[in-house]
């Protein structure tokens, strides 16, 4: 069962006004909680996309490397290398 956490966030000034324009009758969200959840989801997606892009770049570099630069590794070699 997913855990629910209640959080208190304080914003004032321009940030508060900006939130108010996005919530309610004229905004895209019914309430502040809905707006914050959407922001968190989008930030999570961004972080996951950045991690994927880093992995993809690393794989592209590996596949572009000359064949003779590869060396055979055992599972134990990989595990030992990743512990460092």
N, C-alpha and C. Protein backbone atom coordinates (compact mmCIF):
# COMPACT_ATOMS: atom_id res chain seq x y z
N UNK A 1 0.84 -1.18 0.00
CA UNK A 1 0.00 0.00 0.00
C UNK A 1 0.89 1.25 0.00
N UNK A 2 0.65 2.18 -0.90
CA UNK A 2 1.47 3.39 -0.97
C UNK A 2 1.36 4.22 0.31
N UNK A 3 2.46 4.82 0.67
CA UNK A 3 2.50 5.67 1.85
C UNK A 3 2.06 7.07 1.47
N UNK A 4 1.28 7.69 2.32
CA UNK A 4 0.85 9.07 2.12
C UNK A 4 1.57 9.95 3.13
N UNK A 5 2.12 11.04 2.66
CA UNK A 5 2.82 11.97 3.52
C UNK A 5 2.14 13.33 3.40
N UNK A 6 1.87 13.91 4.53
CA UNK A 6 1.33 15.27 4.54
C UNK A 6 2.49 16.23 4.72
N UNK A 7 2.55 17.24 3.87
CA UNK A 7 3.64 18.21 3.91
C UNK A 7 3.05 19.61 3.99
N UNK A 8 3.76 20.47 4.66
CA UNK A 8 3.37 21.87 4.72
C UNK A 8 4.40 22.67 3.95
N UNK A 9 3.93 23.46 3.01
CA UNK A 9 4.82 24.28 2.20
C UNK A 9 4.36 25.72 2.32
N UNK A 10 5.30 26.59 2.59
CA UNK A 10 4.96 28.01 2.71
C UNK A 10 5.55 28.77 1.52
N UNK A 11 4.73 29.51 0.86
CA UNK A 11 5.19 30.39 -0.21
C UNK A 11 4.56 31.76 0.01
N UNK A 12 5.25 32.77 -0.42
CA UNK A 12 4.71 34.12 -0.26
C UNK A 12 5.07 34.96 -1.47
N UNK A 13 4.51 36.12 -1.51
CA UNK A 13 4.84 37.07 -2.56
C UNK A 13 4.49 36.57 -3.95
N UNK A 14 5.45 36.75 -4.85
CA UNK A 14 5.23 36.41 -6.25
C UNK A 14 4.93 34.92 -6.44
N UNK A 15 5.58 34.06 -5.63
CA UNK A 15 5.31 32.62 -5.77
C UNK A 15 3.87 32.31 -5.38
N UNK A 16 3.41 32.89 -4.29
CA UNK A 16 2.04 32.68 -3.85
C UNK A 16 1.05 33.17 -4.90
N UNK A 17 1.32 34.32 -5.46
CA UNK A 17 0.44 34.87 -6.50
C UNK A 17 0.43 33.97 -7.74
N UNK A 18 1.58 33.44 -8.09
CA UNK A 18 1.67 32.56 -9.25
C UNK A 18 0.85 31.29 -9.01
N UNK A 19 0.98 30.71 -7.83
CA UNK A 19 0.20 29.52 -7.51
C UNK A 19 -1.28 29.85 -7.60
N UNK A 20 -1.69 30.97 -7.05
CA UNK A 20 -3.10 31.36 -7.05
C UNK A 20 -3.65 31.48 -8.47
N UNK A 21 -2.83 31.91 -9.42
CA UNK A 21 -3.31 32.05 -10.80
C UNK A 21 -3.50 30.69 -11.47
N UNK A 22 -2.86 29.65 -10.93
CA UNK A 22 -2.95 28.32 -11.51
C UNK A 22 -3.98 27.42 -10.82
N UNK A 23 -4.60 27.92 -9.77
CA UNK A 23 -5.52 27.12 -8.96
C UNK A 23 -6.87 27.83 -8.90
N UNK A 24 -7.92 27.02 -8.88
CA UNK A 24 -9.25 27.59 -8.72
C UNK A 24 -9.99 27.72 -10.03
N UNK A 25 -11.00 28.53 -10.01
CA UNK A 25 -11.91 28.67 -11.14
C UNK A 25 -11.22 29.05 -12.45
N UNK A 26 -10.24 29.95 -12.36
CA UNK A 26 -9.55 30.41 -13.57
C UNK A 26 -8.27 29.63 -13.87
N UNK A 27 -7.86 28.76 -12.96
CA UNK A 27 -6.60 28.03 -13.14
C UNK A 27 -6.80 26.65 -13.72
N UNK A 28 -5.71 25.98 -13.94
CA UNK A 28 -5.73 24.64 -14.52
C UNK A 28 -5.94 23.55 -13.48
N UNK A 29 -5.84 23.91 -12.20
CA UNK A 29 -5.94 22.93 -11.12
C UNK A 29 -7.06 23.32 -10.16
N UNK A 30 -7.71 22.30 -9.60
CA UNK A 30 -8.80 22.57 -8.65
C UNK A 30 -8.29 23.08 -7.32
N UNK A 31 -7.13 22.56 -6.89
CA UNK A 31 -6.61 22.98 -5.59
C UNK A 31 -5.08 22.93 -5.61
N UNK A 32 -4.49 23.48 -4.56
CA UNK A 32 -3.04 23.57 -4.49
C UNK A 32 -2.40 22.19 -4.44
N UNK A 33 -3.00 21.25 -3.73
CA UNK A 33 -2.43 19.90 -3.64
C UNK A 33 -2.32 19.25 -5.01
N UNK A 34 -3.35 19.41 -5.81
CA UNK A 34 -3.33 18.86 -7.17
C UNK A 34 -2.20 19.48 -7.98
N UNK A 35 -2.03 20.77 -7.84
CA UNK A 35 -0.98 21.50 -8.55
C UNK A 35 0.40 21.01 -8.11
N UNK A 36 0.63 20.90 -6.82
CA UNK A 36 1.92 20.46 -6.30
C UNK A 36 2.23 19.02 -6.72
N UNK A 37 1.23 18.14 -6.65
CA UNK A 37 1.44 16.76 -7.09
C UNK A 37 1.86 16.71 -8.55
N UNK A 38 1.23 17.54 -9.39
CA UNK A 38 1.59 17.56 -10.81
C UNK A 38 3.02 18.08 -10.99
N UNK A 39 3.40 19.11 -10.25
CA UNK A 39 4.77 19.62 -10.34
C UNK A 39 5.78 18.55 -9.92
N UNK A 40 5.47 17.81 -8.86
CA UNK A 40 6.38 16.76 -8.40
C UNK A 40 6.48 15.65 -9.45
N UNK A 41 5.35 15.25 -10.02
CA UNK A 41 5.38 14.22 -11.06
C UNK A 41 6.24 14.65 -12.24
N UNK A 42 6.06 15.90 -12.68
CA UNK A 42 6.84 16.39 -13.82
C UNK A 42 8.33 16.46 -13.49
N UNK A 43 8.66 16.85 -12.26
CA UNK A 43 10.06 16.91 -11.86
C UNK A 43 10.65 15.50 -11.80
N UNK A 44 9.88 14.54 -11.32
CA UNK A 44 10.32 13.14 -11.28
C UNK A 44 10.57 12.64 -12.70
N UNK A 45 9.65 12.93 -13.62
CA UNK A 45 9.83 12.53 -15.02
C UNK A 45 11.07 13.16 -15.62
N UNK A 46 11.32 14.43 -15.30
CA UNK A 46 12.51 15.13 -15.80
C UNK A 46 13.78 14.44 -15.29
N UNK A 47 13.81 14.11 -13.99
CA UNK A 47 14.98 13.45 -13.41
C UNK A 47 15.20 12.08 -14.05
N UNK A 48 14.14 11.34 -14.28
CA UNK A 48 14.25 10.03 -14.92
C UNK A 48 14.73 10.17 -16.36
N UNK A 49 14.23 11.17 -17.07
CA UNK A 49 14.65 11.41 -18.46
C UNK A 49 16.14 11.77 -18.51
N UNK A 50 16.60 12.61 -17.56
CA UNK A 50 18.01 12.98 -17.52
C UNK A 50 18.89 11.76 -17.23
N UNK A 51 18.45 10.89 -16.31
CA UNK A 51 19.21 9.68 -16.00
C UNK A 51 19.28 8.78 -17.24
N UNK A 52 18.16 8.64 -17.94
CA UNK A 52 18.13 7.83 -19.16
C UNK A 52 19.05 8.43 -20.22
N UNK A 53 19.03 9.75 -20.37
CA UNK A 53 19.90 10.40 -21.36
C UNK A 53 21.37 10.18 -21.03
N UNK A 54 21.73 10.22 -19.74
CA UNK A 54 23.12 9.95 -19.35
C UNK A 54 23.50 8.52 -19.70
N UNK A 55 22.60 7.58 -19.41
CA UNK A 55 22.86 6.18 -19.74
C UNK A 55 23.00 5.99 -21.25
N UNK A 56 22.11 6.62 -21.99
CA UNK A 56 22.15 6.50 -23.45
C UNK A 56 23.46 7.07 -24.00
N UNK A 57 23.91 8.21 -23.46
CA UNK A 57 25.17 8.80 -23.92
C UNK A 57 26.34 7.88 -23.61
N UNK A 58 26.32 7.26 -22.43
CA UNK A 58 27.39 6.33 -22.07
C UNK A 58 27.40 5.12 -22.99
N UNK A 59 26.22 4.60 -23.29
CA UNK A 59 26.14 3.46 -24.21
C UNK A 59 26.59 3.84 -25.62
N UNK A 60 26.21 5.02 -26.07
CA UNK A 60 26.66 5.48 -27.39
C UNK A 60 28.18 5.57 -27.46
N UNK A 61 28.80 6.09 -26.38
CA UNK A 61 30.28 6.15 -26.35
C UNK A 61 30.86 4.74 -26.39
N UNK A 62 30.25 3.83 -25.63
CA UNK A 62 30.77 2.46 -25.59
C UNK A 62 30.66 1.79 -26.96
N UNK A 63 29.53 1.96 -27.63
CA UNK A 63 29.34 1.33 -28.93
C UNK A 63 30.21 1.97 -30.01
N UNK A 64 30.61 3.22 -29.80
CA UNK A 64 31.45 3.90 -30.78
C UNK A 64 32.93 3.58 -30.58
N UNK A 65 33.27 2.96 -29.46
CA UNK A 65 34.68 2.64 -29.17
C UNK A 65 35.17 1.56 -30.14
N UNK A 66 36.45 1.62 -30.49
CA UNK A 66 37.01 0.59 -31.38
C UNK A 66 36.90 -0.79 -30.74
N UNK A 67 36.70 -1.78 -31.57
CA UNK A 67 36.52 -3.16 -31.10
C UNK A 67 37.70 -3.63 -30.24
N UNK A 68 38.91 -3.21 -30.60
CA UNK A 68 40.08 -3.70 -29.85
C UNK A 68 40.21 -3.06 -28.46
N UNK A 69 39.38 -2.07 -28.16
CA UNK A 69 39.43 -1.48 -26.81
C UNK A 69 38.59 -2.26 -25.80
N UNK A 70 37.80 -3.19 -26.29
CA UNK A 70 36.99 -4.02 -25.40
C UNK A 70 37.85 -5.10 -24.77
N UNK A 71 37.53 -5.46 -23.53
CA UNK A 71 38.21 -6.58 -22.90
C UNK A 71 37.17 -7.43 -22.19
N UNK A 72 37.38 -8.73 -22.20
CA UNK A 72 36.39 -9.61 -21.56
C UNK A 72 36.38 -9.41 -20.04
N UNK A 73 35.20 -9.41 -19.46
CA UNK A 73 35.03 -9.27 -18.02
C UNK A 73 34.13 -10.38 -17.51
N UNK A 74 34.44 -10.86 -16.34
CA UNK A 74 33.54 -11.80 -15.68
C UNK A 74 32.54 -11.01 -14.84
N UNK A 75 31.53 -11.69 -14.37
CA UNK A 75 30.56 -11.03 -13.48
C UNK A 75 31.27 -10.52 -12.23
N UNK A 76 32.22 -11.27 -11.72
CA UNK A 76 32.97 -10.86 -10.53
C UNK A 76 33.76 -9.58 -10.81
N UNK A 77 34.33 -9.45 -12.03
CA UNK A 77 35.05 -8.23 -12.41
C UNK A 77 34.13 -7.01 -12.37
N UNK A 78 32.94 -7.17 -12.93
CA UNK A 78 31.98 -6.06 -12.97
C UNK A 78 31.55 -5.68 -11.56
N UNK A 79 31.25 -6.66 -10.73
CA UNK A 79 30.83 -6.39 -9.36
C UNK A 79 31.95 -5.68 -8.61
N UNK A 80 33.17 -6.15 -8.74
CA UNK A 80 34.31 -5.52 -8.06
C UNK A 80 34.50 -4.09 -8.55
N UNK A 81 34.38 -3.87 -9.85
CA UNK A 81 34.55 -2.51 -10.40
C UNK A 81 33.48 -1.58 -9.88
N UNK A 82 32.25 -2.04 -9.75
CA UNK A 82 31.16 -1.19 -9.30
C UNK A 82 31.16 -0.94 -7.81
N UNK A 83 31.94 -1.68 -7.06
CA UNK A 83 32.05 -1.44 -5.61
C UNK A 83 32.95 -0.25 -5.32
N UNK A 84 33.79 0.11 -6.26
CA UNK A 84 34.74 1.22 -6.06
C UNK A 84 34.10 2.55 -6.22
